[in-house]
Amino acid sequence: MSQYIVIKSAIIWLFRMIMTGYELRLWRKGMGWDQERAAEELGKCLRTYKAYEKSPSIDRVVELAIRSLTLASLLPALSEKNNAEICQVLISLTDS
């Protein structure tokens, strides 16, 4: 998968409104983290994090923290792009 597609997918995901526990699990696996690491990054105990992954919806504060962690992981990849490439990614997001 090209870096462009990964960046586009991550940005589209960042702007979704509701996150489920299943999507949280997919996010964690996409980050390459185990549950302990995800709980630590979110400042939650492991038991609470596991409950989040089983939940039909995630608290907005947790969802925003997840979006921040995702964006922080994307910044190095975006910094390698020139302005035209970044604009191209953003324009393609508005087309979908």
N, C-alpha and C. Protein backbone atom coordinates (compact mmCIF):
# COMPACT_ATOMS: atom_id res chain seq x y z
N MET A 1 0.86 -1.18 0.00
CA MET A 1 0.00 0.00 0.00
C MET A 1 0.90 1.24 0.00
N SER A 2 0.63 2.17 -0.89
CA SER A 2 1.48 3.35 -0.97
C SER A 2 1.26 4.26 0.23
N GLN A 3 2.27 5.06 0.50
CA GLN A 3 2.20 5.99 1.63
C GLN A 3 1.04 6.98 1.43
N TYR A 4 0.78 7.37 0.20
CA TYR A 4 -0.31 8.29 -0.11
C TYR A 4 -1.65 7.71 0.32
N ILE A 5 -1.88 6.44 0.01
CA ILE A 5 -3.16 5.80 0.35
C ILE A 5 -3.29 5.67 1.86
N VAL A 6 -2.20 5.33 2.54
CA VAL A 6 -2.23 5.22 4.00
C VAL A 6 -2.56 6.57 4.62
N ILE A 7 -1.93 7.64 4.14
CA ILE A 7 -2.18 8.98 4.66
C ILE A 7 -3.63 9.38 4.39
N LYS A 8 -4.12 9.15 3.17
CA LYS A 8 -5.49 9.51 2.83
C LYS A 8 -6.48 8.75 3.71
N SER A 9 -6.28 7.46 3.89
CA SER A 9 -7.17 6.66 4.72
C SER A 9 -7.18 7.15 6.16
N ALA A 10 -6.02 7.48 6.67
CA ALA A 10 -5.93 7.95 8.05
C ALA A 10 -6.61 9.31 8.22
N ILE A 11 -6.46 10.20 7.25
CA ILE A 11 -7.09 11.51 7.35
C ILE A 11 -8.61 11.38 7.24
N ILE A 12 -9.09 10.54 6.34
CA ILE A 12 -10.54 10.32 6.23
C ILE A 12 -11.07 9.79 7.55
N TRP A 13 -10.36 8.85 8.13
CA TRP A 13 -10.79 8.28 9.41
C TRP A 13 -10.81 9.35 10.50
N LEU A 14 -9.85 10.27 10.48
CA LEU A 14 -9.77 11.30 11.51
C LEU A 14 -11.03 12.15 11.58
N PHE A 15 -11.71 12.32 10.45
CA PHE A 15 -12.86 13.22 10.41
C PHE A 15 -14.20 12.50 10.55
N ARG A 16 -14.17 11.21 10.84
CA ARG A 16 -15.43 10.49 11.11
C ARG A 16 -15.96 10.94 12.46
N MET A 17 -17.22 10.74 12.70
CA MET A 17 -17.83 11.29 13.91
C MET A 17 -17.97 10.30 15.07
N ILE A 18 -18.32 9.06 14.82
CA ILE A 18 -18.57 8.11 15.90
C ILE A 18 -17.62 6.93 15.75
N MET A 19 -17.04 6.52 16.86
CA MET A 19 -16.12 5.40 16.83
C MET A 19 -16.66 4.28 17.72
N THR A 20 -16.60 3.07 17.21
CA THR A 20 -17.04 1.90 17.99
C THR A 20 -15.81 1.22 18.61
N GLY A 21 -16.08 0.30 19.52
CA GLY A 21 -15.00 -0.46 20.13
C GLY A 21 -14.25 -1.30 19.11
N TYR A 22 -14.99 -1.82 18.13
CA TYR A 22 -14.35 -2.60 17.07
C TYR A 22 -13.38 -1.73 16.26
N GLU A 23 -13.80 -0.51 15.95
CA GLU A 23 -12.92 0.40 15.22
C GLU A 23 -11.71 0.79 16.06
N LEU A 24 -11.90 0.90 17.36
CA LEU A 24 -10.78 1.17 18.26
C LEU A 24 -9.76 0.04 18.17
N ARG A 25 -10.25 -1.19 18.16
CA ARG A 25 -9.37 -2.35 18.03
C ARG A 25 -8.61 -2.31 16.71
N LEU A 26 -9.30 -2.00 15.62
CA LEU A 26 -8.65 -1.89 14.32
C LEU A 26 -7.59 -0.79 14.32
N TRP A 27 -7.93 0.33 14.95
CA TRP A 27 -6.97 1.45 15.05
C TRP A 27 -5.71 0.99 15.78
N ARG A 28 -5.91 0.34 16.93
CA ARG A 28 -4.78 -0.12 17.74
C ARG A 28 -3.88 -1.05 16.94
N LYS A 29 -4.50 -2.00 16.25
CA LYS A 29 -3.72 -2.95 15.45
C LYS A 29 -3.00 -2.23 14.30
N GLY A 30 -3.67 -1.23 13.71
CA GLY A 30 -3.03 -0.45 12.66
C GLY A 30 -1.82 0.33 13.15
N MET A 31 -1.86 0.72 14.41
CA MET A 31 -0.72 1.42 15.01
C MET A 31 0.39 0.44 15.39
N GLY A 32 0.06 -0.87 15.35
CA GLY A 32 1.06 -1.88 15.72
C GLY A 32 1.24 -2.03 17.22
N TRP A 33 0.21 -1.66 17.98
CA TRP A 33 0.28 -1.69 19.44
C TRP A 33 -0.51 -2.85 20.00
N ASP A 34 -0.09 -3.33 21.16
CA ASP A 34 -0.91 -4.28 21.91
C ASP A 34 -1.83 -3.46 22.83
N GLN A 35 -2.72 -4.13 23.53
CA GLN A 35 -3.68 -3.42 24.38
C GLN A 35 -2.98 -2.64 25.49
N GLU A 36 -1.92 -3.19 26.03
CA GLU A 36 -1.19 -2.50 27.09
C GLU A 36 -0.61 -1.17 26.61
N ARG A 37 -0.03 -1.18 25.42
CA ARG A 37 0.57 0.04 24.87
C ARG A 37 -0.52 1.08 24.60
N ALA A 38 -1.64 0.65 24.02
CA ALA A 38 -2.73 1.58 23.72
C ALA A 38 -3.28 2.18 25.01
N ALA A 39 -3.45 1.37 26.03
CA ALA A 39 -3.94 1.86 27.31
C ALA A 39 -2.97 2.89 27.89
N GLU A 40 -1.69 2.59 27.81
CA GLU A 40 -0.67 3.51 28.32
C GLU A 40 -0.69 4.83 27.56
N GLU A 41 -0.76 4.77 26.24
CA GLU A 41 -0.76 5.99 25.42
C GLU A 41 -1.98 6.86 25.72
N LEU A 42 -3.11 6.21 26.03
CA LEU A 42 -4.34 6.94 26.33
C LEU A 42 -4.47 7.33 27.80
N GLY A 43 -3.51 6.87 28.62
CA GLY A 43 -3.55 7.20 30.04
C GLY A 43 -4.65 6.47 30.80
N LYS A 44 -4.98 5.28 30.35
CA LYS A 44 -6.04 4.47 30.96
C LYS A 44 -5.45 3.17 31.48
N CYS A 45 -6.12 2.56 32.46
CA CYS A 45 -5.68 1.25 32.92
C CYS A 45 -6.08 0.22 31.86
N LEU A 46 -5.41 -0.92 31.88
CA LEU A 46 -5.66 -1.96 30.88
C LEU A 46 -7.10 -2.45 30.93
N ARG A 47 -7.65 -2.60 32.11
CA ARG A 47 -9.02 -3.08 32.25
C ARG A 47 -10.01 -2.12 31.57
N THR A 48 -9.81 -0.82 31.77
CA THR A 48 -10.68 0.18 31.14
C THR A 48 -10.54 0.14 29.63
N TYR A 49 -9.30 0.03 29.16
CA TYR A 49 -9.08 -0.02 27.71
C TYR A 49 -9.78 -1.23 27.10
N LYS A 50 -9.66 -2.38 27.74
CA LYS A 50 -10.31 -3.58 27.21
C LYS A 50 -11.82 -3.39 27.13
N ALA A 51 -12.39 -2.69 28.11
CA ALA A 51 -13.83 -2.41 28.09
C ALA A 51 -14.17 -1.51 26.90
N TYR A 52 -13.30 -0.55 26.59
CA TYR A 52 -13.53 0.31 25.43
C TYR A 52 -13.64 -0.51 24.15
N GLU A 53 -12.76 -1.50 23.99
CA GLU A 53 -12.78 -2.30 22.76
C GLU A 53 -14.04 -3.14 22.63
N LYS A 54 -14.74 -3.38 23.72
CA LYS A 54 -15.98 -4.16 23.68
C LYS A 54 -17.22 -3.27 23.61
N SER A 55 -17.02 -1.96 23.67
CA SER A 55 -18.13 -1.01 23.74
C SER A 55 -18.72 -0.70 22.36
N PRO A 56 -20.04 -0.46 22.29
CA PRO A 56 -20.65 -0.08 21.02
C PRO A 56 -20.28 1.34 20.58
N SER A 57 -19.84 2.17 21.52
CA SER A 57 -19.37 3.51 21.17
C SER A 57 -18.32 3.96 22.19
N ILE A 58 -17.42 4.79 21.73
CA ILE A 58 -16.30 5.26 22.55
C ILE A 58 -16.58 6.69 23.02
N ASP A 59 -16.18 7.00 24.25
CA ASP A 59 -16.33 8.36 24.77
C ASP A 59 -15.63 9.35 23.84
N ARG A 60 -16.23 10.51 23.68
CA ARG A 60 -15.69 11.53 22.77
C ARG A 60 -14.27 11.95 23.16
N VAL A 61 -14.00 12.06 24.45
CA VAL A 61 -12.67 12.47 24.90
C VAL A 61 -11.62 11.45 24.46
N VAL A 62 -11.95 10.17 24.60
CA VAL A 62 -11.03 9.10 24.19
C VAL A 62 -10.86 9.14 22.67
N GLU A 63 -11.95 9.35 21.97
CA GLU A 63 -11.88 9.42 20.50
C GLU A 63 -10.98 10.58 20.05
N LEU A 64 -11.09 11.71 20.71
CA LEU A 64 -10.24 12.85 20.36
C LEU A 64 -8.77 12.57 20.67
N ALA A 65 -8.52 11.87 21.77
CA ALA A 65 -7.14 11.48 22.09
C ALA A 65 -6.58 10.54 21.03
N ILE A 66 -7.42 9.63 20.57
CA ILE A 66 -7.00 8.69 19.52
C ILE A 66 -6.68 9.45 18.23
N ARG A 67 -7.51 10.41 17.90
CA ARG A 67 -7.26 11.22 16.70
C ARG A 67 -5.94 11.98 16.82
N SER A 68 -5.67 12.50 18.01
CA SER A 68 -4.41 13.21 18.24
C SER A 68 -3.21 12.29 18.08
N LEU A 69 -3.30 11.09 18.64
CA LEU A 69 -2.21 10.12 18.50
C LEU A 69 -2.01 9.74 17.04
N THR A 70 -3.10 9.58 16.31
CA THR A 70 -3.01 9.23 14.89
C THR A 70 -2.35 10.35 14.10
N LEU A 71 -2.80 11.57 14.34
CA LEU A 71 -2.23 12.71 13.64
C LEU A 71 -0.75 12.87 13.96
N ALA A 72 -0.38 12.67 15.21
CA ALA A 72 1.03 12.77 15.59
C ALA A 72 1.86 11.73 14.85
N SER A 73 1.30 10.55 14.62
CA SER A 73 2.05 9.51 13.89
C SER A 73 2.14 9.82 12.40
N LEU A 74 1.18 10.62 11.88
CA LEU A 74 1.19 10.97 10.45
C LEU A 74 2.10 12.15 10.13
N LEU A 75 2.37 12.98 11.09
CA LEU A 75 3.14 14.20 10.82
C LEU A 75 4.49 13.94 10.16
N PRO A 76 5.26 12.96 10.60
CA PRO A 76 6.53 12.72 9.90
C PRO A 76 6.34 12.39 8.42
N ALA A 77 5.33 11.60 8.09
CA ALA A 77 5.08 11.25 6.68
C ALA A 77 4.64 12.47 5.89
N LEU A 78 3.81 13.31 6.49
CA LEU A 78 3.34 14.51 5.79
C LEU A 78 4.46 15.53 5.62
N SER A 79 5.39 15.57 6.55
CA SER A 79 6.47 16.55 6.47
C SER A 79 7.41 16.27 5.30
N GLU A 80 7.40 15.03 4.81
CA GLU A 80 8.23 14.68 3.66
C GLU A 80 7.59 15.10 2.35
N LYS A 81 6.32 15.51 2.38
CA LYS A 81 5.60 15.91 1.18
C LYS A 81 5.79 17.41 0.94
N ASN A 82 5.74 17.81 -0.32
CA ASN A 82 5.76 19.24 -0.60
C ASN A 82 4.32 19.77 -0.52
N ASN A 83 4.18 21.08 -0.58
CA ASN A 83 2.86 21.69 -0.43
C ASN A 83 1.86 21.19 -1.47
N ALA A 84 2.31 21.00 -2.70
CA ALA A 84 1.41 20.55 -3.76
C ALA A 84 0.88 19.15 -3.46
N GLU A 85 1.74 18.28 -2.96
CA GLU A 85 1.30 16.91 -2.64
C GLU A 85 0.31 16.91 -1.47
N ILE A 86 0.57 17.73 -0.47
CA ILE A 86 -0.34 17.82 0.67
C ILE A 86 -1.69 18.36 0.21
N CYS A 87 -1.68 19.39 -0.63
CA CYS A 87 -2.93 19.94 -1.17
C CYS A 87 -3.67 18.90 -1.99
N GLN A 88 -2.95 18.09 -2.73
CA GLN A 88 -3.58 17.04 -3.55
C GLN A 88 -4.30 16.04 -2.63
N VAL A 89 -3.68 15.68 -1.53
CA VAL A 89 -4.32 14.77 -0.58
C VAL A 89 -5.59 15.40 -0.04
N LEU A 90 -5.52 16.66 0.36
CA LEU A 90 -6.68 17.34 0.93
C LEU A 90 -7.80 17.51 -0.10
N ILE A 91 -7.46 17.83 -1.33
CA ILE A 91 -8.47 17.97 -2.38
C ILE A 91 -9.15 16.63 -2.63
N SER A 92 -8.37 15.57 -2.66
CA SER A 92 -8.98 14.25 -2.90
C SER A 92 -9.92 13.86 -1.78
N LEU A 93 -9.69 14.35 -0.58
CA LEU A 93 -10.58 14.06 0.54
C LEU A 93 -11.94 14.73 0.35
N THR A 94 -11.95 15.92 -0.23
CA THR A 94 -13.22 16.62 -0.42
C THR A 94 -14.01 16.03 -1.59
N ASP A 95 -13.32 15.31 -2.48
CA ASP A 95 -13.99 14.69 -3.62
C ASP A 95 -14.71 13.40 -3.26
N SER A 96 -14.30 12.77 -2.16
CA SER A 96 -14.88 11.46 -1.83
C SER A 96 -16.13 11.55 -1.02
